[in-house]
Protein backbone atom coordinates (compact mmCIF):
# COMPACT_ATOMS: atom_id res chain seq x y z
CA MET A 1 0.64 -27.36 2.02
CA PRO A 2 -1.73 -28.07 4.94
CA ASP A 3 -3.29 -31.52 5.15
CA SER A 4 -6.73 -29.93 4.79
CA PHE A 5 -5.78 -28.51 1.39
CA LYS A 6 -5.82 -31.28 -1.17
CA PRO A 7 -4.05 -30.91 -4.54
CA PRO A 8 -6.60 -29.21 -6.80
CA TYR A 9 -5.55 -30.93 -10.04
CA LEU A 10 -8.21 -31.60 -12.67
CA ARG A 11 -5.97 -32.71 -15.52
CA LYS A 12 -2.47 -32.28 -16.89
CA ASP A 13 -2.49 -29.92 -19.87
CA GLU A 14 1.03 -29.99 -21.30
CA THR A 15 4.73 -29.77 -20.47
CA ARG A 16 7.00 -26.82 -21.23
CA GLY A 17 10.59 -27.86 -20.65
CA ASP A 18 10.69 -29.07 -17.06
CA ILE A 19 7.44 -27.28 -16.19
CA GLN A 20 4.18 -29.21 -15.95
CA VAL A 21 1.06 -27.22 -16.80
CA TRP A 22 -2.02 -28.28 -14.82
CA ILE A 23 -5.66 -27.30 -15.17
CA VAL A 24 -6.88 -26.83 -11.61
CA ASP A 25 -10.07 -26.32 -9.64
CA GLY A 26 -9.97 -22.57 -9.04
CA PRO A 27 -13.16 -22.41 -6.93
CA TYR A 28 -11.68 -25.00 -4.58
CA ILE A 29 -8.43 -23.01 -4.24
CA ARG A 30 -10.31 -19.77 -3.57
CA GLY A 31 -12.60 -21.46 -1.08
CA HIS A 32 -10.00 -23.45 0.86
CA LYS A 33 -6.63 -21.81 0.43
CA ASP A 34 -6.44 -18.40 -1.17
CA GLU A 35 -9.43 -16.25 -2.19
CA GLU A 36 -7.02 -14.06 -4.19
CA PHE A 37 -5.94 -16.85 -6.57
CA THR A 38 -6.68 -15.57 -10.06
CA ASN A 39 -6.84 -17.22 -13.48
CA PHE A 40 -3.36 -18.72 -13.26
CA GLY A 41 -0.25 -18.82 -11.12
CA GLN A 42 3.26 -20.08 -10.52
CA HIS A 43 5.42 -20.86 -7.49
CA TYR A 44 7.19 -17.53 -7.05
CA ARG A 45 3.88 -15.67 -6.93
CA TYR A 46 1.95 -18.34 -5.01
CA PRO A 47 4.38 -20.37 -2.86
CA TYR A 48 1.86 -23.19 -2.35
CA ILE A 49 2.23 -24.07 -6.05
CA PRO A 50 5.12 -26.54 -6.60
CA GLU A 51 8.18 -24.91 -8.15
CA LYS A 52 8.02 -26.79 -11.45
CA GLU A 53 4.28 -26.39 -12.04
CA PHE A 54 1.98 -23.82 -13.61
CA TRP A 55 -1.63 -23.81 -12.43
CA ILE A 56 -4.39 -22.57 -14.74
CA ASP A 57 -7.97 -22.29 -13.57
CA GLU A 58 -10.59 -24.30 -15.43
CA GLU A 59 -12.33 -21.83 -17.73
CA ALA A 60 -16.08 -21.70 -18.23
CA GLU A 61 -15.75 -19.78 -21.51
CA HIS A 62 -13.11 -18.84 -24.10
CA ASP A 63 -9.75 -20.58 -24.26
CA GLU A 64 -6.99 -18.30 -22.92
CA ARG A 65 -4.51 -20.99 -21.90
CA VAL A 66 -1.94 -20.05 -24.54
CA PHE A 67 -1.88 -16.45 -23.33
CA PHE A 68 -1.59 -17.50 -19.69
CA ILE A 69 1.22 -19.97 -20.34
CA ASP A 70 3.23 -17.37 -22.30
CA HIS A 71 2.76 -15.00 -19.38
CA LEU A 72 3.78 -17.57 -16.78
CA LEU A 73 6.93 -18.60 -18.65
CA VAL A 74 8.24 -15.03 -18.52
CA GLU A 75 7.11 -14.35 -14.96
CA HIS A 76 8.53 -17.63 -13.61
CA GLN A 77 11.86 -17.24 -15.38
CA LEU A 78 12.42 -13.68 -14.18
CA MET A 79 11.31 -14.29 -10.59
CA ALA A 80 13.51 -17.41 -10.37
CA LYS A 81 16.41 -15.03 -11.03
CA GLY A 82 15.35 -12.75 -8.21
CA VAL A 83 13.39 -10.15 -10.18
CA PRO A 84 10.60 -8.74 -7.97
CA TYR A 85 7.04 -9.61 -8.92
CA GLY A 86 6.20 -5.98 -9.67
CA LYS A 87 8.85 -5.85 -12.39
CA ALA A 88 8.35 -9.40 -13.66
CA ILE A 89 4.64 -8.93 -14.28
CA VAL A 90 5.27 -5.85 -16.42
CA GLU A 91 7.39 -7.87 -18.83
CA ALA A 92 5.05 -10.87 -18.67
CA ASP A 93 2.06 -8.64 -19.42
CA ARG A 94 3.90 -7.15 -22.41
CA VAL A 95 4.44 -10.60 -23.90
CA GLU A 96 0.87 -11.70 -23.16
CA ARG A 97 -0.56 -8.50 -24.66
CA ARG A 98 1.44 -9.04 -27.84
CA GLU A 99 0.03 -12.56 -28.21
CA ARG A 100 -3.51 -11.35 -27.63
CA ARG A 101 -3.13 -8.79 -30.42
CA ARG A 102 -1.78 -11.46 -32.75
CA ALA A 103 -4.85 -13.58 -32.02
CA GLY A 104 -7.07 -10.78 -33.35
CA ASP A 105 -8.92 -9.98 -30.13
CA VAL A 106 -8.33 -6.23 -30.34
CA ARG A 107 -9.52 -6.08 -33.94
CA LYS A 108 -12.79 -7.76 -32.95
CA ALA A 109 -13.61 -5.09 -30.38
CA THR A 110 -12.48 -2.12 -32.50
CA HIS A 111 -14.04 -3.08 -35.83
CA GLY A 112 -10.68 -3.82 -37.40
CA GLY A 113 -8.94 -1.00 -35.58
CA ARG A 114 -11.22 1.67 -37.07
CA GLN A 115 -12.94 2.60 -33.78
CA LEU A 116 -12.15 2.98 -30.12
CA PRO A 117 -13.21 -0.10 -28.14
CA ASP A 118 -16.81 0.05 -26.97
CA PRO A 119 -17.42 -1.37 -23.46
CA LYS A 120 -20.81 -2.63 -24.63
CA ALA A 121 -18.98 -4.91 -27.09
CA VAL A 122 -17.98 -7.16 -24.17
CA HIS A 123 -21.52 -7.52 -22.79
CA GLU A 124 -22.70 -11.13 -23.01
CA GLN A 125 -25.85 -11.18 -20.90
CA LEU A 126 -27.68 -8.85 -18.54
CA TRP A 127 -27.83 -10.87 -15.34
CA LYS A 128 -30.08 -8.50 -13.44
CA LYS A 129 -31.08 -4.87 -13.10
CA LEU A 130 -31.46 -3.93 -9.45
CA GLU A 131 -34.10 -1.61 -8.00
CA SER A 132 -31.36 1.00 -7.59
CA GLY A 133 -30.84 0.97 -11.35
CA LEU A 134 -27.51 -0.83 -11.10
CA GLU A 135 -26.99 -3.32 -13.95
CA VAL A 136 -25.04 -6.55 -13.45
CA TRP A 137 -23.61 -7.92 -16.68
CA ILE A 138 -21.93 -11.19 -17.56
CA VAL A 139 -19.08 -10.07 -19.82
CA ASN A 140 -16.62 -11.67 -22.22
CA GLY A 141 -13.62 -11.79 -19.90
CA ARG A 142 -11.20 -12.65 -22.68
CA LEU A 143 -12.10 -9.50 -24.60
CA VAL A 144 -11.94 -7.37 -21.45
CA ARG A 145 -8.40 -8.60 -20.78
CA SER A 146 -7.33 -8.23 -24.41
CA VAL A 147 -8.78 -4.77 -24.98
CA PHE A 148 -9.19 -2.94 -21.68
CA ASP A 149 -7.19 -4.43 -18.79
CA ILE A 150 -5.01 -7.52 -19.03
CA ASP A 151 -5.25 -8.00 -15.25
CA PHE A 152 -9.07 -7.99 -15.09
CA THR A 153 -10.10 -11.02 -13.03
CA ALA A 154 -13.44 -12.41 -11.82
CA GLY A 155 -15.35 -9.14 -11.77
CA GLY A 156 -15.29 -5.38 -11.43
CA HIS A 157 -17.39 -2.23 -11.34
CA ASP A 158 -17.47 1.42 -12.30
CA HIS A 159 -15.93 2.66 -9.04
CA VAL A 160 -12.70 0.79 -9.80
CA TYR A 161 -12.42 0.50 -13.58
CA GLU A 162 -12.83 3.63 -15.68
CA PHE A 163 -13.82 1.56 -18.72
CA VAL A 164 -16.84 0.05 -16.96
CA PRO A 165 -19.87 2.27 -17.75
CA GLN A 166 -21.43 4.15 -14.87
CA GLY A 167 -23.95 2.06 -12.98
CA GLU A 168 -22.60 -1.30 -14.06
CA VAL A 169 -21.02 -4.33 -12.38
CA TRP A 170 -19.23 -6.84 -14.58
CA ILE A 171 -18.86 -10.56 -13.86
CA ASP A 172 -16.29 -12.49 -15.93
CA ASP A 173 -17.86 -15.28 -17.98
CA ALA A 174 -14.74 -17.37 -17.33
CA ILE A 175 -16.05 -17.82 -13.78
CA GLU A 176 -18.13 -20.98 -13.51
CA GLU A 177 -21.77 -20.49 -12.65
CA LYS A 178 -21.42 -22.22 -9.26
CA GLU A 179 -18.92 -19.54 -8.21
CA ARG A 180 -20.57 -16.44 -9.63
CA GLY A 181 -22.66 -15.69 -6.54
CA PHE A 182 -19.57 -15.31 -4.36
CA VAL A 183 -17.88 -13.02 -6.90
CA LEU A 184 -21.10 -11.02 -7.19
CA LEU A 185 -21.22 -10.54 -3.42
CA HIS A 186 -17.65 -9.28 -3.43
CA GLU A 187 -18.28 -6.77 -6.22
CA LEU A 188 -21.59 -5.47 -4.84
CA HIS A 189 -20.25 -5.02 -1.32
CA GLU A 190 -17.05 -3.40 -2.57
CA ARG A 191 -18.97 -0.98 -4.79
CA ASN A 192 -21.45 -0.10 -2.03
CA ARG A 193 -18.66 0.60 0.45
CA MET A 194 -16.71 2.70 -2.05
CA ALA A 195 -19.88 4.68 -2.79
CA GLU A 196 -19.93 5.47 0.93
CA GLY A 197 -16.40 6.86 0.67
CA LEU A 198 -14.28 3.89 1.75
CA PRO A 199 -10.95 3.66 -0.15
CA TYR A 200 -10.58 0.76 -2.58
CA SER A 201 -7.96 -1.09 -0.52
CA LYS A 202 -10.15 -1.19 2.57
CA ALA A 203 -13.32 -1.96 0.63
CA HIS A 204 -11.56 -4.76 -1.24
CA ASN A 205 -10.14 -6.36 1.90
CA GLU A 206 -13.50 -6.18 3.63
CA SER A 207 -15.22 -7.71 0.61
CA SER A 208 -12.63 -10.47 0.37
CA ARG A 209 -13.26 -11.45 3.98
CA MET A 210 -17.01 -11.52 3.38
CA GLU A 211 -16.57 -13.56 0.20
CA PHE A 212 -14.29 -16.04 1.94
CA ARG A 213 -16.76 -16.51 4.80
CA CYS A 214 -19.63 -17.20 2.43
CA ARG A 215 -17.53 -19.69 0.49
CA HIS A 216 -17.23 -21.59 3.78
CA HIS A 217 -20.83 -20.90 4.81
CA PRO A 218 -22.79 -20.87 1.52
CA ASP A 219 -26.08 -20.90 3.42
CA GLU A 220 -25.34 -17.26 4.31
CA LEU A 221 -24.89 -16.12 0.70
CA HIS A 222 -28.55 -15.37 -0.06
CA ASP A 223 -28.99 -13.06 2.94
CA ALA A 224 -25.62 -11.40 2.34
CA LEU A 225 -26.57 -10.61 -1.26
CA ALA A 226 -29.96 -9.26 -0.18
CA THR A 227 -28.19 -6.88 2.20
CA GLU A 228 -26.24 -5.50 -0.77
CA GLY A 229 -29.40 -4.85 -2.79
CA TRP A 230 -29.67 -8.12 -4.69
CA ALA A 231 -33.36 -8.80 -4.09
């Protein structure tokens, strides 16, 4: 771990066997080490995490730690045995999804299982409607992960996720307010570039680079957002 990257620990959460679970400063990690760090991680997915530690991002809303820890236990155990990440995450997601159903999340969004999930059920707050008509919503990230896509992280839009209504960008409410502008920039730029015909992989990589630069130069964020239509 480079000297410039300080341990991002906020507090120790619990211990599972010989694994220490830490709540960490996700914005710091994304700004100084890895802009692709998600809600949680373990050593075999993110080598900069010590082998016997799980890192879970501090959540702004909704406690999902139990789900994340169950996921990490499976993923870590399988990858320690040499199972590739692509296969390990399938099994870890299966276990996490089962726990989310047991917690009643799916029933909340489907009226007790009597209806198909409604994307509007995850809307928390309309952040802004742009002049183009595009709506940016703060959404209940826990429900999105439990009902629509267990891998949903930070944000998304209708050009990537089929469950996001046309003309909408979603920002996860688990993202702290101080970080939302950078995630917003990523999603707006990515959506604009995909609307121009750029494939997702290229649009995502381009947006990640822009996001990372603004995290290091926050004085550029306002102008960058304006360029993407956030006026």
